[in-house]
N, C-alpha and C. Protein backbone atom coordinates (compact mmCIF):
# COMPACT_ATOMS: atom_id res chain seq x y z
N MET A 1 -25.16 191.75 175.44
CA MET A 1 -25.16 192.27 174.01
C MET A 1 -26.17 191.43 173.56
N LEU A 2 -26.05 190.07 173.15
CA LEU A 2 -27.14 189.43 172.73
C LEU A 2 -28.18 188.85 173.63
N GLN A 3 -29.45 189.27 173.74
CA GLN A 3 -30.49 188.76 174.61
C GLN A 3 -31.51 188.22 173.96
N GLY A 4 -31.70 186.89 174.15
CA GLY A 4 -33.05 186.31 173.71
C GLY A 4 -33.65 186.46 172.48
N LYS A 5 -34.86 186.46 172.46
CA LYS A 5 -35.40 186.42 171.12
C LYS A 5 -36.09 187.66 171.04
N THR A 6 -36.00 188.44 169.77
CA THR A 6 -36.41 189.81 169.67
C THR A 6 -37.70 189.63 169.05
N LYS A 7 -38.47 191.01 169.40
CA LYS A 7 -39.87 190.87 168.67
C LYS A 7 -39.82 192.05 167.77
N ILE A 8 -40.83 191.87 167.17
CA ILE A 8 -40.99 192.81 165.75
C ILE A 8 -41.15 194.30 166.22
N ALA A 9 -41.91 194.57 167.29
CA ALA A 9 -42.08 195.98 168.07
C ALA A 9 -40.89 196.63 168.33
N GLU A 10 -39.67 195.91 168.59
CA GLU A 10 -38.68 196.34 169.07
C GLU A 10 -37.81 197.32 167.82
N PHE A 11 -38.25 196.76 166.76
CA PHE A 11 -37.37 197.34 165.62
C PHE A 11 -38.34 198.29 164.82
N ASN A 12 -39.54 198.69 165.40
CA ASN A 12 -40.38 199.59 164.56
C ASN A 12 -39.61 200.93 164.26
N GLN A 13 -38.61 201.67 165.10
CA GLN A 13 -38.04 202.70 164.91
C GLN A 13 -37.06 202.52 163.67
N LEU A 14 -36.40 201.29 163.49
CA LEU A 14 -35.70 201.09 162.35
C LEU A 14 -36.53 201.01 161.14
N LEU A 15 -37.56 200.35 160.95
CA LEU A 15 -38.58 200.28 159.88
C LEU A 15 -39.25 201.55 159.63
N ASP A 16 -39.42 202.37 160.38
CA ASP A 16 -39.81 203.79 160.38
C ASP A 16 -38.95 204.62 159.82
N ARG A 17 -37.61 204.48 160.09
CA ARG A 17 -36.31 205.18 159.32
C ARG A 17 -36.46 204.72 157.90
N VAL A 18 -36.32 203.38 157.73
CA VAL A 18 -36.32 202.92 156.23
C VAL A 18 -37.31 203.65 155.53
N ASN A 19 -38.62 203.32 156.00
CA ASN A 19 -39.87 203.85 155.15
C ASN A 19 -39.64 205.34 155.06
N ASN A 20 -39.54 206.22 156.09
CA ASN A 20 -39.46 207.66 155.67
C ASN A 20 -38.27 207.92 154.76
N GLN A 21 -37.20 207.36 154.75
CA GLN A 21 -36.38 207.50 153.65
C GLN A 21 -36.92 207.15 152.29
N VAL A 22 -37.54 206.02 152.31
CA VAL A 22 -38.18 205.84 150.88
C VAL A 22 -39.14 206.89 150.49
N ALA A 23 -40.07 207.24 151.50
CA ALA A 23 -41.21 208.27 151.29
C ALA A 23 -40.38 209.71 150.66
N SER A 24 -39.40 210.10 151.43
CA SER A 24 -38.77 211.20 151.01
C SER A 24 -38.38 211.14 149.27
N TRP A 25 -37.86 210.08 148.97
CA TRP A 25 -37.38 209.92 147.77
C TRP A 25 -38.27 209.75 146.67
N LYS A 26 -39.69 209.45 146.91
CA LYS A 26 -40.49 209.38 145.88
C LYS A 26 -40.91 210.53 145.02
N ASN A 27 -40.80 211.35 145.42
CA ASN A 27 -40.86 212.92 144.58
C ASN A 27 -39.91 213.38 143.81
N LYS A 28 -38.81 212.44 143.94
CA LYS A 28 -37.51 212.96 143.13
C LYS A 28 -37.53 212.36 141.74
N LEU A 29 -37.22 212.76 140.90
CA LEU A 29 -37.14 212.52 139.48
C LEU A 29 -35.93 212.05 139.27
N LEU A 30 -35.90 210.42 139.49
CA LEU A 30 -34.80 209.77 139.15
C LEU A 30 -35.28 208.63 138.52
N ASN A 31 -34.08 207.88 137.67
CA ASN A 31 -34.63 206.96 136.61
C ASN A 31 -34.18 205.61 137.77
N LYS A 32 -34.28 204.58 137.14
CA LYS A 32 -34.00 203.17 137.83
C LYS A 32 -32.55 203.00 138.38
N ALA A 33 -31.72 203.59 137.49
CA ALA A 33 -30.43 203.79 138.03
C ALA A 33 -29.92 204.61 139.11
N GLY A 34 -30.74 205.74 139.40
CA GLY A 34 -30.60 206.36 140.42
C GLY A 34 -31.25 205.85 141.63
N HIS A 35 -32.38 205.36 141.43
CA HIS A 35 -32.89 204.44 142.66
C HIS A 35 -32.13 203.42 143.07
N LEU A 36 -31.50 202.71 142.35
CA LEU A 36 -30.63 201.63 142.51
C LEU A 36 -29.49 202.20 143.45
N CYS A 37 -28.76 203.07 143.02
CA CYS A 37 -27.70 203.80 143.43
C CYS A 37 -28.06 204.17 144.94
N LEU A 38 -29.32 204.98 145.24
CA LEU A 38 -29.76 205.41 146.41
C LEU A 38 -29.97 204.12 147.49
N ILE A 39 -30.62 202.95 146.88
CA ILE A 39 -30.94 201.91 147.62
C ILE A 39 -29.46 201.25 148.12
N LYS A 40 -28.60 200.98 147.29
CA LYS A 40 -27.30 200.50 147.54
C LYS A 40 -26.47 201.33 148.47
N SER A 41 -26.43 202.65 148.58
CA SER A 41 -25.76 203.57 149.53
C SER A 41 -26.42 203.91 150.46
N THR A 42 -27.59 204.05 150.53
CA THR A 42 -28.28 204.48 151.81
C THR A 42 -29.37 203.50 152.54
N LEU A 43 -30.39 202.85 151.67
CA LEU A 43 -31.42 201.94 152.25
C LEU A 43 -30.68 200.66 153.08
N THR A 44 -29.66 200.31 152.53
CA THR A 44 -29.00 199.14 152.90
C THR A 44 -28.11 199.47 154.10
N SER A 45 -27.62 200.52 154.15
CA SER A 45 -26.72 201.20 155.27
C SER A 45 -27.27 201.46 156.52
N ILE A 46 -28.81 201.87 156.37
CA ILE A 46 -29.51 202.40 157.55
C ILE A 46 -29.31 201.42 158.63
N PRO A 47 -29.68 199.93 158.38
CA PRO A 47 -29.87 199.13 159.59
C PRO A 47 -28.41 198.51 160.10
N VAL A 48 -27.40 198.84 159.30
CA VAL A 48 -26.05 198.24 159.65
C VAL A 48 -25.74 198.45 161.27
N TYR A 49 -25.92 199.33 161.84
CA TYR A 49 -25.49 199.75 163.21
C TYR A 49 -26.02 198.68 164.18
N ILE A 50 -27.42 198.53 164.01
CA ILE A 50 -28.26 197.64 164.87
C ILE A 50 -27.96 196.28 164.47
N MET A 51 -27.66 195.99 163.17
CA MET A 51 -27.50 194.51 162.92
C MET A 51 -26.14 194.01 163.31
N GLN A 52 -25.11 195.07 163.64
CA GLN A 52 -23.99 194.61 164.23
C GLN A 52 -23.95 193.80 165.71
N SER A 53 -25.11 194.16 166.31
CA SER A 53 -25.28 193.76 167.89
C SER A 53 -26.41 193.00 168.08
N HIS A 54 -27.39 192.88 167.04
CA HIS A 54 -28.78 192.27 167.22
C HIS A 54 -29.07 191.21 166.34
N TRP A 55 -29.50 190.11 166.60
CA TRP A 55 -30.02 189.21 165.72
C TRP A 55 -31.62 189.58 165.13
N ILE A 56 -31.88 190.04 164.01
CA ILE A 56 -32.77 190.56 163.49
C ILE A 56 -33.62 189.62 162.82
N SER A 57 -34.98 189.60 163.33
CA SER A 57 -35.74 188.46 162.74
C SER A 57 -36.08 188.50 160.98
N GLN A 58 -36.75 187.38 160.71
CA GLN A 58 -36.68 187.20 159.31
C GLN A 58 -37.63 188.11 158.89
N ALA A 59 -38.81 188.11 159.76
CA ALA A 59 -39.87 189.30 159.40
C ALA A 59 -39.45 190.82 159.20
N ILE A 60 -38.39 191.26 160.00
CA ILE A 60 -37.95 192.56 159.96
C ILE A 60 -37.00 192.62 158.53
N CYS A 61 -36.18 191.59 158.44
CA CYS A 61 -35.63 191.59 157.09
C CYS A 61 -36.35 191.69 155.89
N ASP A 62 -37.28 191.10 155.86
CA ASP A 62 -38.37 191.11 154.82
C ASP A 62 -38.89 192.13 154.42
N ARG A 63 -39.08 192.82 155.56
CA ARG A 63 -39.78 194.31 155.39
C ARG A 63 -38.71 195.34 154.92
N ILE A 64 -37.42 195.14 155.39
CA ILE A 64 -36.22 196.12 155.05
C ILE A 64 -36.21 195.82 153.21
N ASN A 65 -36.08 194.48 152.91
CA ASN A 65 -36.01 194.21 151.54
C ASN A 65 -37.13 194.56 150.58
N GLN A 66 -38.51 194.40 151.40
CA GLN A 66 -39.55 195.06 150.64
C GLN A 66 -39.68 196.46 150.35
N ALA A 67 -38.90 197.25 151.44
CA ALA A 67 -38.91 198.64 151.14
C ALA A 67 -37.89 198.82 150.07
N CYS A 68 -36.89 198.12 149.74
CA CYS A 68 -35.79 198.31 148.83
C CYS A 68 -36.39 198.04 147.56
N HIS A 69 -37.35 196.77 147.36
CA HIS A 69 -37.91 196.45 146.23
C HIS A 69 -38.82 197.37 145.71
N ARG A 70 -39.77 197.98 146.88
CA ARG A 70 -40.78 198.82 146.42
C ARG A 70 -40.21 200.26 145.85
N MET A 71 -38.93 200.55 146.48
CA MET A 71 -38.18 201.85 145.90
C MET A 71 -37.87 201.77 144.64
N LEU A 72 -37.44 200.45 144.30
CA LEU A 72 -36.82 200.26 142.93
C LEU A 72 -37.83 200.17 141.92
N TRP A 73 -38.95 199.70 142.18
CA TRP A 73 -39.97 199.41 140.96
C TRP A 73 -41.33 200.39 141.01
N ALA A 74 -41.74 200.78 142.40
CA ALA A 74 -43.04 201.71 142.47
C ALA A 74 -42.92 202.98 142.02
N LYS A 75 -43.81 203.54 141.28
CA LYS A 75 -44.00 204.67 141.00
C LYS A 75 -44.49 205.68 142.24
N PRO A 76 -44.18 206.84 142.09
CA PRO A 76 -44.66 207.81 143.21
C PRO A 76 -46.10 207.82 143.28
N GLY A 77 -46.74 207.33 144.59
CA GLY A 77 -48.04 207.29 144.85
C GLY A 77 -48.95 206.22 144.43
N ALA A 78 -48.03 205.25 143.80
CA ALA A 78 -48.87 204.05 143.58
C ALA A 78 -48.84 203.04 144.52
N SER A 79 -50.06 202.32 144.86
CA SER A 79 -50.23 201.48 145.62
C SER A 79 -49.78 200.11 145.35
N TYR A 80 -49.73 200.02 144.21
CA TYR A 80 -49.26 198.55 143.69
C TYR A 80 -48.01 198.86 142.70
N TYR A 81 -47.53 197.83 142.27
CA TYR A 81 -46.08 197.95 141.30
C TYR A 81 -46.08 196.39 140.61
N TRP A 82 -45.16 196.52 139.46
CA TRP A 82 -44.95 195.56 138.74
C TRP A 82 -43.43 195.41 138.87
N SER A 83 -42.92 194.37 139.43
CA SER A 83 -41.49 193.98 139.27
C SER A 83 -41.22 193.61 138.15
N LEU A 84 -40.07 193.88 137.48
CA LEU A 84 -39.54 193.38 136.10
C LEU A 84 -38.52 192.31 136.58
N VAL A 85 -38.00 192.30 137.68
CA VAL A 85 -37.05 191.27 138.06
C VAL A 85 -37.26 190.83 139.18
N GLY A 86 -37.00 189.44 139.57
CA GLY A 86 -37.21 189.12 140.94
C GLY A 86 -36.30 189.47 141.94
N TRP A 87 -36.84 189.35 143.11
CA TRP A 87 -35.55 189.85 144.27
C TRP A 87 -34.45 188.96 144.14
N ASN A 88 -34.51 187.79 144.01
CA ASN A 88 -33.28 186.83 143.82
C ASN A 88 -32.41 187.48 143.12
N THR A 89 -33.04 187.68 141.83
CA THR A 89 -31.94 188.10 140.97
C THR A 89 -31.44 189.55 141.19
N ILE A 90 -32.12 190.57 141.93
CA ILE A 90 -31.69 191.89 142.22
C ILE A 90 -30.47 191.69 143.17
N SER A 91 -30.70 190.81 144.20
CA SER A 91 -29.84 190.77 145.36
C SER A 91 -28.63 190.03 145.04
N LYS A 92 -28.40 189.18 143.98
CA LYS A 92 -27.12 188.63 143.39
C LYS A 92 -26.19 189.52 143.09
N PRO A 93 -24.82 189.27 143.13
CA PRO A 93 -23.51 190.29 142.87
C PRO A 93 -23.71 190.46 141.43
N LEU A 94 -22.95 191.48 141.33
CA LEU A 94 -22.92 191.97 139.79
C LEU A 94 -22.41 190.97 138.85
N GLU A 95 -21.56 190.31 139.33
CA GLU A 95 -20.65 189.36 138.59
C GLU A 95 -21.34 188.31 138.03
N MET A 96 -22.47 187.95 139.00
CA MET A 96 -23.51 186.75 138.71
C MET A 96 -24.71 187.17 137.93
N GLY A 97 -24.61 188.32 137.38
CA GLY A 97 -25.71 188.79 136.47
C GLY A 97 -27.00 189.50 137.35
N GLY A 98 -26.50 189.92 138.78
CA GLY A 98 -27.70 190.45 139.44
C GLY A 98 -27.39 191.97 139.39
N LEU A 99 -27.98 192.78 140.45
CA LEU A 99 -27.67 194.24 140.64
C LEU A 99 -26.75 194.73 141.68
N GLY A 100 -26.68 193.65 142.45
CA GLY A 100 -25.87 193.93 143.65
C GLY A 100 -26.22 194.46 144.97
N VAL A 101 -27.49 194.70 145.05
CA VAL A 101 -28.23 194.87 146.27
C VAL A 101 -27.97 193.84 147.36
N ARG A 102 -27.79 194.30 148.71
CA ARG A 102 -27.27 193.45 149.69
C ARG A 102 -28.73 193.01 150.25
N GLU A 103 -28.79 191.47 150.67
CA GLU A 103 -30.04 191.19 151.23
C GLU A 103 -29.78 191.47 152.63
N ALA A 104 -30.85 191.99 153.37
CA ALA A 104 -31.03 192.14 154.86
C ALA A 104 -30.44 191.19 155.37
N ARG A 105 -31.12 189.80 155.56
CA ARG A 105 -30.73 188.67 156.16
C ARG A 105 -29.33 188.03 156.04
N HIS A 106 -28.67 188.13 154.80
CA HIS A 106 -27.14 187.93 154.70
C HIS A 106 -26.38 188.93 155.20
N MET A 107 -26.82 190.17 155.24
CA MET A 107 -25.92 191.13 155.91
C MET A 107 -25.81 191.05 157.28
N ASN A 108 -27.16 190.70 157.91
CA ASN A 108 -27.12 190.34 159.43
C ASN A 108 -26.41 189.35 159.69
N ILE A 109 -26.35 188.31 159.23
CA ILE A 109 -25.29 187.15 159.57
C ILE A 109 -24.07 187.40 159.43
N SER A 110 -23.56 188.34 158.36
CA SER A 110 -22.20 188.44 158.15
C SER A 110 -21.89 189.52 159.33
N LEU A 111 -22.76 190.54 159.82
CA LEU A 111 -22.14 191.44 160.76
C LEU A 111 -22.16 190.88 162.09
N LEU A 112 -22.99 189.83 162.32
CA LEU A 112 -23.07 189.15 163.63
C LEU A 112 -21.82 188.09 163.58
N GLY A 113 -21.08 187.75 162.54
CA GLY A 113 -20.11 186.74 162.50
C GLY A 113 -18.91 187.33 163.17
N LYS A 114 -18.79 188.74 162.99
CA LYS A 114 -17.66 189.08 163.70
C LYS A 114 -17.60 189.00 165.27
N LEU A 115 -18.66 188.77 166.03
CA LEU A 115 -18.62 188.65 167.33
C LEU A 115 -18.20 187.19 167.91
N ILE A 116 -18.07 186.41 166.97
CA ILE A 116 -17.57 185.04 167.31
C ILE A 116 -16.26 185.01 167.54
């Protein structure tokens, strides 16, 4: 089930799914609250099945978080974006003043914890 060290290339399909989902929403006319709702409901749930049985490297988790961050702040077709709030604030729970987006690394650790 858990086999050695994983490589980034093994998770390219997962990253492609996340990036394709972000690309399909870029043309939608949504406000920031709509983007946040889509991130919380869909983008953070795409890698859950794989995270239940594989230790995903920090680089993959960073790319998933980056896609969520880009989805929230970037305008359609823009190659750069200005983030008004840092990722640490976005990933905090609502009760602590954050936006409640689940961070990929913490989600991976908690899902693998059930195997113990």
